[in-house]
Amino acid sequence: MALNNTYDARPAQQETAVGAALQVLLLVLLGTAIGMGTAGWLTGLAFAFATWAVLTRALGRTRPPSFGPANRVTLGRATLVGGVTALVADSFRSAPPVSLLVGLTAVALILDGVDGKVARRTGTSTELGARFDMEVDAFLILVLSVYVAADLGPWVLLIGGMRYVFVAAARVWPWLTAPLPPSTARKTVAALQGVLLLVAGARLLPEAVNTGVALLALGLLVWSFGRDVLWLWRTSPRRTQAPARTGSATVEPTGAVRELVAR
């Protein structure tokens, strides 16, 4: 008798739909509270749709298609990040309450340390979960960089954009995707990025101090990335080989990016 290898992805995909609905609900609450403009609404809705679409597609390729408790925590964090994204987009029209933006961001940063612990304690760690966690982290840093850059200057965008530049570079130089040895310093730098950008964006300190905080975040990030790239350059034989044709495939950030961003 042949084994039945068919998996039903609908229960897991229903959870992504619930996440999208919660995102829309958060946007409604924010819109009601602060009178959010068109840019905020469109950006928030685009984030909700993109999250739902990417997760649904990824779950369709996962066997078995299980979402798991840790991913529920990450999905909740992604919902908060969507709210922060909408507020930042709306800030170009009118300044949203800083306390609201700081509150949503702070909770999202706190939850960043929860989903990994839940995954380990429940034995539900998956590649999808690690990638989901990493992408939410990276996007939050990018959004915070945009928000702080509006006050301190476009150089702050280097903080949020560095990870994406690294991924793009890995498409040209595949040796950048080689695994790195564990590093407490790398994880600490990653954890500090959101905290330092939140401090700079809270506008509680003088502008000169906020500039120093953002410069500290950028300096730490450049040091961490630079150290890892140098290590990969020195140790990986793949750097001497011609880049493989990737076509439409995506190079997975399994080296410096994953170690730096995912915790």
C-alpha atoms as a PDB file:
ATOM      1  CA  MET A   1       0.000   0.000   0.000  1.00  0.00           C
ATOM      2  CA  ALA A   2       1.435   3.353  -1.012  1.00  0.00           C
ATOM      3  CA  LEU A   3       2.064   5.914   1.685  1.00  0.00           C
ATOM      4  CA  ASN A   4       0.027   9.094   1.586  1.00  0.00           C
ATOM      5  CA  ASN A   5       2.482  11.996   1.421  1.00  0.00           C
ATOM      6  CA  THR A   6      -0.172  14.635   0.851  1.00  0.00           C
ATOM      7  CA  TYR A   7      -0.193  17.426   3.419  1.00  0.00           C
ATOM      8  CA  ASP A   8      -3.037  19.810   4.088  1.00  0.00           C
ATOM      9  CA  ALA A   9      -1.573  23.337   4.170  1.00  0.00           C
ATOM     10  CA  ARG A  10      -4.893  25.040   4.851  1.00  0.00           C
ATOM     11  CA  PRO A  11      -4.706  25.148   8.689  1.00  0.00           C
ATOM     12  CA  ALA A  12      -1.273  26.806   8.593  1.00  0.00           C
ATOM     13  CA  GLN A  13      -2.310  29.188   5.832  1.00  0.00           C
ATOM     14  CA  GLN A  14      -5.403  30.158   7.797  1.00  0.00           C
ATOM     15  CA  GLU A  15      -3.097  31.449  10.519  1.00  0.00           C
ATOM     16  CA  THR A  16      -1.412  33.774   8.037  1.00  0.00           C
ATOM     17  CA  ALA A  17      -4.848  35.048   7.047  1.00  0.00           C
ATOM     18  CA  VAL A  18      -5.627  35.733  10.704  1.00  0.00           C
ATOM     19  CA  GLY A  19      -2.332  37.615  10.940  1.00  0.00           C
ATOM     20  CA  ALA A  20      -3.304  39.775   7.968  1.00  0.00           C
ATOM     21  CA  ALA A  21      -6.688  40.470   9.555  1.00  0.00           C
ATOM     22  CA  LEU A  22      -5.012  41.528  12.809  1.00  0.00           C
ATOM     23  CA  GLN A  23      -2.745  43.821  10.815  1.00  0.00           C
ATOM     24  CA  VAL A  24      -5.744  45.505   9.228  1.00  0.00           C
ATOM     25  CA  LEU A  25      -7.390  45.791  12.653  1.00  0.00           C
ATOM     26  CA  LEU A  26      -4.286  47.502  14.035  1.00  0.00           C
ATOM     27  CA  LEU A  27      -4.343  49.927  11.111  1.00  0.00           C
ATOM     28  CA  VAL A  28      -7.994  50.716  11.821  1.00  0.00           C
ATOM     29  CA  LEU A  29      -7.163  51.414  15.461  1.00  0.00           C
ATOM     30  CA  LEU A  30      -4.217  53.613  14.514  1.00  0.00           C
ATOM     31  CA  GLY A  31      -6.225  55.413  11.864  1.00  0.00           C
ATOM     32  CA  THR A  32      -9.021  56.092  14.318  1.00  0.00           C
ATOM     33  CA  ALA A  33      -6.633  57.275  17.029  1.00  0.00           C
ATOM     34  CA  ILE A  34      -4.448  59.648  14.992  1.00  0.00           C
ATOM     35  CA  GLY A  35      -6.343  60.228  11.748  1.00  0.00           C
ATOM     36  CA  MET A  36      -3.773  58.430   9.616  1.00  0.00           C
ATOM     37  CA  GLY A  37      -3.401  59.662   6.061  1.00  0.00           C
ATOM     38  CA  THR A  38      -3.395  57.865   2.724  1.00  0.00           C
ATOM     39  CA  ALA A  39       0.331  57.100   2.743  1.00  0.00           C
ATOM     40  CA  GLY A  40       0.101  55.381   6.104  1.00  0.00           C
ATOM     41  CA  TRP A  41      -2.923  53.333   5.081  1.00  0.00           C
ATOM     42  CA  LEU A  42      -1.479  52.239   1.759  1.00  0.00           C
ATOM     43  CA  THR A  43       1.884  51.350   3.257  1.00  0.00           C
ATOM     44  CA  GLY A  44       0.334  49.424   6.121  1.00  0.00           C
ATOM     45  CA  LEU A  45      -2.006  47.515   3.816  1.00  0.00           C
ATOM     46  CA  ALA A  46       0.851  46.741   1.420  1.00  0.00           C
ATOM     47  CA  PHE A  47       2.890  45.363   4.322  1.00  0.00           C
ATOM     48  CA  ALA A  48      -0.032  43.202   5.476  1.00  0.00           C
ATOM     49  CA  PHE A  49      -0.625  41.819   1.981  1.00  0.00           C
ATOM     50  CA  ALA A  50       3.073  41.168   1.349  1.00  0.00           C
ATOM     51  CA  THR A  51       3.468  39.354   4.675  1.00  0.00           C
ATOM     52  CA  TRP A  52       0.412  37.202   4.005  1.00  0.00           C
ATOM     53  CA  ALA A  53       1.461  36.400   0.432  1.00  0.00           C
ATOM     54  CA  VAL A  54       5.071  35.503   1.248  1.00  0.00           C
ATOM     55  CA  LEU A  55       4.163  33.367   4.267  1.00  0.00           C
ATOM     56  CA  THR A  56       1.370  31.578   2.412  1.00  0.00           C
ATOM     57  CA  ARG A  57       3.712  30.746  -0.445  1.00  0.00           C
ATOM     58  CA  ALA A  58       6.465  29.604   1.920  1.00  0.00           C
ATOM     59  CA  LEU A  59       4.077  27.374   3.863  1.00  0.00           C
ATOM     60  CA  GLY A  60       2.908  25.831   0.615  1.00  0.00           C
ATOM     61  CA  ARG A  61       6.479  24.667   0.034  1.00  0.00           C
ATOM     62  CA  THR A  62       7.081  23.429   3.584  1.00  0.00           C
ATOM     63  CA  ARG A  63       6.605  19.759   4.458  1.00  0.00           C
ATOM     64  CA  PRO A  64       4.747  19.364   6.703  1.00  0.00           C
ATOM     65  CA  PRO A  65       3.151  22.846   6.441  1.00  0.00           C
ATOM     66  CA  SER A  66       3.092  23.619  10.170  1.00  0.00           C
ATOM     67  CA  PHE A  67       3.106  27.168  11.509  1.00  0.00           C
ATOM     68  CA  GLY A  68       3.987  26.521  15.146  1.00  0.00           C
ATOM     69  CA  PRO A  69       3.874  28.601  18.353  1.00  0.00           C
ATOM     70  CA  ALA A  70       7.151  30.454  17.726  1.00  0.00           C
ATOM     71  CA  ASN A  71       5.959  31.658  14.335  1.00  0.00           C
ATOM     72  CA  ARG A  72       2.781  32.936  15.966  1.00  0.00           C
ATOM     73  CA  VAL A  73       4.937  35.131  18.197  1.00  0.00           C
ATOM     74  CA  THR A  74       6.905  36.322  15.167  1.00  0.00           C
ATOM     75  CA  LEU A  75       3.668  36.998  13.302  1.00  0.00           C
ATOM     76  CA  GLY A  76       2.464  39.103  16.212  1.00  0.00           C
ATOM     77  CA  ARG A  77       5.754  40.999  16.094  1.00  0.00           C
ATOM     78  CA  ALA A  78       5.349  41.451  12.343  1.00  0.00           C
ATOM     79  CA  THR A  79       1.928  42.964  12.997  1.00  0.00           C
ATOM     80  CA  LEU A  80       3.514  45.546  15.288  1.00  0.00           C
ATOM     81  CA  VAL A  81       6.223  46.219  12.693  1.00  0.00           C
ATOM     82  CA  GLY A  82       3.469  46.814  10.141  1.00  0.00           C
ATOM     83  CA  GLY A  83       1.968  49.393  12.474  1.00  0.00           C
ATOM     84  CA  VAL A  84       5.352  51.084  12.899  1.00  0.00           C
ATOM     85  CA  THR A  85       5.792  51.075   9.116  1.00  0.00           C
ATOM     86  CA  ALA A  86       2.436  52.777   8.623  1.00  0.00           C
ATOM     87  CA  LEU A  87       3.264  55.424  11.235  1.00  0.00           C
ATOM     88  CA  VAL A  88       6.642  56.143   9.652  1.00  0.00           C
ATOM     89  CA  ALA A  89       5.053  56.473   6.209  1.00  0.00           C
ATOM     90  CA  ASP A  90       2.440  58.816   7.674  1.00  0.00           C
ATOM     91  CA  SER A  91       5.155  60.879   9.400  1.00  0.00           C
ATOM     92  CA  PHE A  92       6.049  62.494   6.065  1.00  0.00           C
ATOM     93  CA  ARG A  93       2.568  64.064   6.103  1.00  0.00           C
ATOM     94  CA  SER A  94       2.228  64.863   9.791  1.00  0.00           C
ATOM     95  CA  ALA A  95       4.202  63.796  12.820  1.00  0.00           C
ATOM     96  CA  PRO A  96       2.568  60.810  14.576  1.00  0.00           C
ATOM     97  CA  PRO A  97       2.646  60.684  18.391  1.00  0.00           C
ATOM     98  CA  VAL A  98       6.203  59.695  19.239  1.00  0.00           C
ATOM     99  CA  SER A  99       4.994  57.789  22.301  1.00  0.00           C
ATOM    100  CA  LEU A 100       2.812  55.578  20.100  1.00  0.00           C
ATOM    101  CA  LEU A 101       5.614  54.792  17.668  1.00  0.00           C
ATOM    102  CA  VAL A 102       8.082  54.164  20.490  1.00  0.00           C
ATOM    103  CA  GLY A 103       5.597  51.923  22.301  1.00  0.00           C
ATOM    104  CA  LEU A 104       4.910  49.701  19.292  1.00  0.00           C
ATOM    105  CA  THR A 105       8.614  49.472  18.478  1.00  0.00           C
ATOM    106  CA  ALA A 106       9.609  48.682  22.049  1.00  0.00           C
ATOM    107  CA  VAL A 107       7.146  45.789  22.278  1.00  0.00           C
ATOM    108  CA  ALA A 108       8.337  44.453  18.910  1.00  0.00           C
ATOM    109  CA  LEU A 109      11.955  44.570  20.106  1.00  0.00           C
ATOM    110  CA  ILE A 110      11.082  42.815  23.367  1.00  0.00           C
ATOM    111  CA  LEU A 111       9.234  40.052  21.528  1.00  0.00           C
ATOM    112  CA  ASP A 112      12.311  39.546  19.356  1.00  0.00           C
ATOM    113  CA  GLY A 113      13.842  37.560  22.196  1.00  0.00           C
ATOM    114  CA  VAL A 114      10.708  35.509  22.810  1.00  0.00           C
ATOM    115  CA  ASP A 115      10.064  33.607  19.576  1.00  0.00           C
ATOM    116  CA  GLY A 116      13.481  31.927  19.576  1.00  0.00           C
ATOM    117  CA  LYS A 117      13.038  30.734  23.154  1.00  0.00           C
ATOM    118  CA  VAL A 118       9.559  29.424  22.350  1.00  0.00           C
ATOM    119  CA  ALA A 119      10.897  27.533  19.335  1.00  0.00           C
ATOM    120  CA  ARG A 120      13.648  25.880  21.381  1.00  0.00           C
ATOM    121  CA  ARG A 121      11.443  24.977  24.328  1.00  0.00           C
ATOM    122  CA  THR A 122       8.697  23.493  22.138  1.00  0.00           C
ATOM    123  CA  GLY A 123      11.101  21.799  19.725  1.00  0.00           C
ATOM    124  CA  THR A 124       9.558  23.619  16.766  1.00  0.00           C
ATOM    125  CA  SER A 125      12.623  25.361  15.317  1.00  0.00           C
ATOM    126  CA  THR A 126      12.416  25.435  11.531  1.00  0.00           C
ATOM    127  CA  GLU A 127      14.275  27.057   8.652  1.00  0.00           C
ATOM    128  CA  LEU A 128      11.094  28.956   7.774  1.00  0.00           C
ATOM    129  CA  GLY A 129      10.821  30.279  11.324  1.00  0.00           C
ATOM    130  CA  ALA A 130      14.453  31.429  11.382  1.00  0.00           C
ATOM    131  CA  ARG A 131      14.062  33.177   8.033  1.00  0.00           C
ATOM    132  CA  PHE A 132      10.757  34.775   9.063  1.00  0.00           C
ATOM    133  CA  ASP A 133      12.318  36.085  12.283  1.00  0.00           C
ATOM    134  CA  MET A 134      15.332  37.434  10.401  1.00  0.00           C
ATOM    135  CA  GLU A 135      13.282  39.263   7.778  1.00  0.00           C
ATOM    136  CA  VAL A 136      11.037  40.915  10.381  1.00  0.00           C
ATOM    137  CA  ASP A 137      14.133  42.086  12.292  1.00  0.00           C
ATOM    138  CA  ALA A 138      15.796  43.448   9.177  1.00  0.00           C
ATOM    139  CA  PHE A 139      12.708  45.274   7.978  1.00  0.00           C
ATOM    140  CA  LEU A 140      12.123  46.906  11.364  1.00  0.00           C
ATOM    141  CA  ILE A 141      15.711  48.222  11.331  1.00  0.00           C
ATOM    142  CA  LEU A 142      15.161  49.565   7.818  1.00  0.00           C
ATOM    143  CA  VAL A 143      11.938  51.346   8.816  1.00  0.00           C
ATOM    144  CA  LEU A 144      13.519  52.847  11.924  1.00  0.00           C
ATOM    145  CA  SER A 145      16.427  54.030   9.790  1.00  0.00           C
ATOM    146  CA  VAL A 146      14.013  55.844   7.487  1.00  0.00           C
ATOM    147  CA  TYR A 147      12.334  57.491  10.469  1.00  0.00           C
ATOM    148  CA  VAL A 148      15.584  58.638  12.096  1.00  0.00           C
ATOM    149  CA  ALA A 149      17.036  59.745   8.744  1.00  0.00           C
ATOM    150  CA  ALA A 150      14.246  62.288   8.406  1.00  0.00           C
ATOM    151  CA  ASP A 151      15.787  64.131  11.372  1.00  0.00           C
ATOM    152  CA  LEU A 152      19.492  63.336  11.185  1.00  0.00           C
ATOM    153  CA  GLY A 153      20.107  62.942   7.467  1.00  0.00           C
ATOM    154  CA  PRO A 154      20.147  60.246   4.779  1.00  0.00           C
ATOM    155  CA  TRP A 155      23.390  58.691   6.070  1.00  0.00           C
ATOM    156  CA  VAL A 156      21.290  56.875   8.694  1.00  0.00           C
ATOM    157  CA  LEU A 157      19.788  54.783   5.875  1.00  0.00           C
ATOM    158  CA  LEU A 158      23.112  52.944   5.729  1.00  0.00           C
ATOM    159  CA  ILE A 159      22.122  51.187   8.955  1.00  0.00           C
ATOM    160  CA  GLY A 160      18.927  49.728   7.554  1.00  0.00           C
ATOM    161  CA  GLY A 161      20.273  49.170   4.065  1.00  0.00           C
ATOM    162  CA  MET A 162      23.502  47.383   4.906  1.00  0.00           C
ATOM    163  CA  ARG A 163      21.916  43.960   5.248  1.00  0.00           C
ATOM    164  CA  TYR A 164      20.194  44.273   1.865  1.00  0.00           C
ATOM    165  CA  VAL A 165      23.414  45.441   0.242  1.00  0.00           C
ATOM    166  CA  PHE A 166      25.130  42.369   1.670  1.00  0.00           C
ATOM    167  CA  VAL A 167      22.458  40.058   0.228  1.00  0.00           C
ATOM    168  CA  ALA A 168      22.831  41.733  -3.163  1.00  0.00           C
ATOM    169  CA  ALA A 169      26.605  41.343  -2.975  1.00  0.00           C
ATOM    170  CA  ALA A 170      26.195  37.648  -2.182  1.00  0.00           C
ATOM    171  CA  ARG A 171      24.512  37.172  -5.541  1.00  0.00           C
ATOM    172  CA  VAL A 172      27.730  38.306  -7.183  1.00  0.00           C
ATOM    173  CA  TRP A 173      30.183  36.718  -4.724  1.00  0.00           C
ATOM    174  CA  PRO A 174      28.674  33.456  -3.394  1.00  0.00           C
ATOM    175  CA  TRP A 175      31.536  32.996  -0.923  1.00  0.00           C
ATOM    176  CA  LEU A 176      29.770  35.580   1.244  1.00  0.00           C
ATOM    177  CA  THR A 177      27.082  32.975   2.032  1.00  0.00           C
ATOM    178  CA  ALA A 178      29.515  30.628   3.773  1.00  0.00           C
ATOM    179  CA  PRO A 179      28.671  29.846   7.422  1.00  0.00           C
ATOM    180  CA  LEU A 180      30.386  31.838  10.132  1.00  0.00           C
ATOM    181  CA  PRO A 181      31.537  30.680  13.564  1.00  0.00           C
ATOM    182  CA  PRO A 182      29.227  31.666  16.439  1.00  0.00           C
ATOM    183  CA  SER A 183      29.926  35.124  17.831  1.00  0.00           C
ATOM    184  CA  THR A 184      28.468  36.781  20.901  1.00  0.00           C
ATOM    185  CA  ALA A 185      29.741  40.134  19.644  1.00  0.00           C
ATOM    186  CA  ARG A 186      27.842  39.728  16.369  1.00  0.00           C
ATOM    187  CA  LYS A 187      24.596  38.923  18.175  1.00  0.00           C
ATOM    188  CA  THR A 188      25.078  41.833  20.563  1.00  0.00           C
ATOM    189  CA  VAL A 189      25.605  44.284  17.705  1.00  0.00           C
ATOM    190  CA  ALA A 190      22.463  42.976  16.014  1.00  0.00           C
ATOM    191  CA  ALA A 191      20.414  43.387  19.175  1.00  0.00           C
ATOM    192  CA  LEU A 192      21.687  46.927  19.732  1.00  0.00           C
ATOM    193  CA  GLN A 193      20.661  48.251  16.321  1.00  0.00           C
ATOM    194  CA  GLY A 194      16.949  48.478  17.066  1.00  0.00           C
ATOM    195  CA  VAL A 195      17.528  49.803  20.581  1.00  0.00           C
ATOM    196  CA  LEU A 196      19.919  52.548  19.467  1.00  0.00           C
ATOM    197  CA  LEU A 197      17.693  53.623  16.577  1.00  0.00           C
ATOM    198  CA  LEU A 198      14.713  53.697  18.926  1.00  0.00           C
ATOM    199  CA  VAL A 199      16.628  55.944  21.336  1.00  0.00           C
ATOM    200  CA  ALA A 200      17.621  58.264  18.505  1.00  0.00           C
ATOM    201  CA  GLY A 201      14.088  58.319  17.123  1.00  0.00           C
ATOM    202  CA  ALA A 202      12.392  58.970  20.478  1.00  0.00           C
ATOM    203  CA  ARG A 203      13.583  62.593  20.321  1.00  0.00           C
ATOM    204  CA  LEU A 204      14.042  62.749  24.081  1.00  0.00           C
ATOM    205  CA  LEU A 205      17.694  63.735  23.833  1.00  0.00           C
ATOM    206  CA  PRO A 206      19.417  66.709  22.169  1.00  0.00           C
ATOM    207  CA  GLU A 207      20.027  66.324  18.445  1.00  0.00           C
ATOM    208  CA  ALA A 208      23.780  66.090  18.940  1.00  0.00           C
ATOM    209  CA  VAL A 209      23.322  63.161  21.321  1.00  0.00           C
ATOM    210  CA  ASN A 210      20.880  61.445  18.954  1.00  0.00           C
ATOM    211  CA  THR A 211      23.424  61.853  16.158  1.00  0.00           C
ATOM    212  CA  GLY A 212      26.056  60.248  18.348  1.00  0.00           C
ATOM    213  CA  VAL A 213      23.752  57.339  19.155  1.00  0.00           C
ATOM    214  CA  ALA A 214      23.003  56.716  15.475  1.00  0.00           C
ATOM    215  CA  LEU A 215      26.709  56.996  14.620  1.00  0.00           C
ATOM    216  CA  LEU A 216      27.444  54.428  17.308  1.00  0.00           C
ATOM    217  CA  ALA A 217      24.902  52.049  15.759  1.00  0.00           C
ATOM    218  CA  LEU A 218      26.407  52.535  12.304  1.00  0.00           C
ATOM    219  CA  GLY A 219      29.966  52.169  13.570  1.00  0.00           C
ATOM    220  CA  LEU A 220      29.180  48.912  15.373  1.00  0.00           C
ATOM    221  CA  LEU A 221      27.410  47.549  12.299  1.00  0.00           C
ATOM    222  CA  VAL A 222      30.277  48.444   9.955  1.00  0.00           C
ATOM    223  CA  TRP A 223      32.743  46.846  12.355  1.00  0.00           C
ATOM    224  CA  SER A 224      30.684  43.649  12.659  1.00  0.00           C
ATOM    225  CA  PHE A 225      30.039  43.280   8.941  1.00  0.00           C
ATOM    226  CA  GLY A 226      33.618  44.224   8.097  1.00  0.00           C
ATOM    227  CA  ARG A 227      35.059  41.665  10.489  1.00  0.00           C
ATOM    228  CA  ASP A 228      32.854  38.905   9.112  1.00  0.00           C
ATOM    229  CA  VAL A 229      33.494  39.780   5.465  1.00  0.00           C
ATOM    230  CA  LEU A 230      37.233  39.795   6.128  1.00  0.00           C
ATOM    231  CA  TRP A 231      36.999  36.388   7.813  1.00  0.00           C
ATOM    232  CA  LEU A 232      35.027  34.992   4.879  1.00  0.00           C
ATOM    233  CA  TRP A 233      37.531  36.455   2.424  1.00  0.00           C
ATOM    234  CA  ARG A 234      40.446  34.849   4.205  1.00  0.00           C
ATOM    235  CA  THR A 235      38.921  31.417   4.825  1.00  0.00           C
ATOM    236  CA  SER A 236      36.549  30.646   1.969  1.00  0.00           C
ATOM    237  CA  PRO A 237      38.001  29.017  -1.159  1.00  0.00           C
ATOM    238  CA  ARG A 238      34.818  29.904  -3.044  1.00  0.00           C
ATOM    239  CA  ARG A 239      35.991  33.485  -3.511  1.00  0.00           C
ATOM    240  CA  THR A 240      38.456  32.257  -6.136  1.00  0.00           C
ATOM    241  CA  GLN A 241      35.736  30.560  -8.168  1.00  0.00           C
ATOM    242  CA  ALA A 242      33.553  32.184 -10.793  1.00  0.00           C
ATOM    243  CA  PRO A 243      30.061  33.069  -9.521  1.00  0.00           C
ATOM    244  CA  ALA A 244      27.471  30.412 -10.280  1.00  0.00           C
ATOM    245  CA  ARG A 245      24.546  31.325 -12.463  1.00  0.00           C
ATOM    246  CA  THR A 246      21.664  31.965 -10.115  1.00  0.00           C
ATOM    247  CA  GLY A 247      18.960  32.870 -12.642  1.00  0.00           C
ATOM    248  CA  SER A 248      15.880  33.863 -10.708  1.00  0.00           C
ATOM    249  CA  ALA A 249      16.953  31.974  -7.584  1.00  0.00           C
ATOM    250  CA  THR A 250      17.596  33.856  -4.377  1.00  0.00           C
ATOM    251  CA  VAL A 251      20.897  33.443  -2.567  1.00  0.00           C
ATOM    252  CA  GLU A 252      20.095  32.546   1.020  1.00  0.00           C
ATOM    253  CA  PRO A 253      21.833  34.790   3.573  1.00  0.00           C
ATOM    254  CA  THR A 254      23.273  31.830   5.512  1.00  0.00           C
ATOM    255  CA  GLY A 255      26.535  33.540   6.393  1.00  0.00           C
ATOM    256  CA  ALA A 256      27.139  36.922   7.924  1.00  0.00           C
ATOM    257  CA  VAL A 257      23.595  38.164   7.486  1.00  0.00           C
ATOM    258  CA  ARG A 258      21.915  35.263   9.238  1.00  0.00           C
ATOM    259  CA  GLU A 259      24.323  35.348  12.148  1.00  0.00           C
ATOM    260  CA  LEU A 260      24.087  39.129  12.471  1.00  0.00           C
ATOM    261  CA  VAL A 261      20.349  39.598  12.185  1.00  0.00           C
ATOM    262  CA  ALA A 262      18.807  36.343  13.398  1.00  0.00           C
ATOM    263  CA  ARG A 263      18.954  35.703  17.121  1.00  0.00           C
END
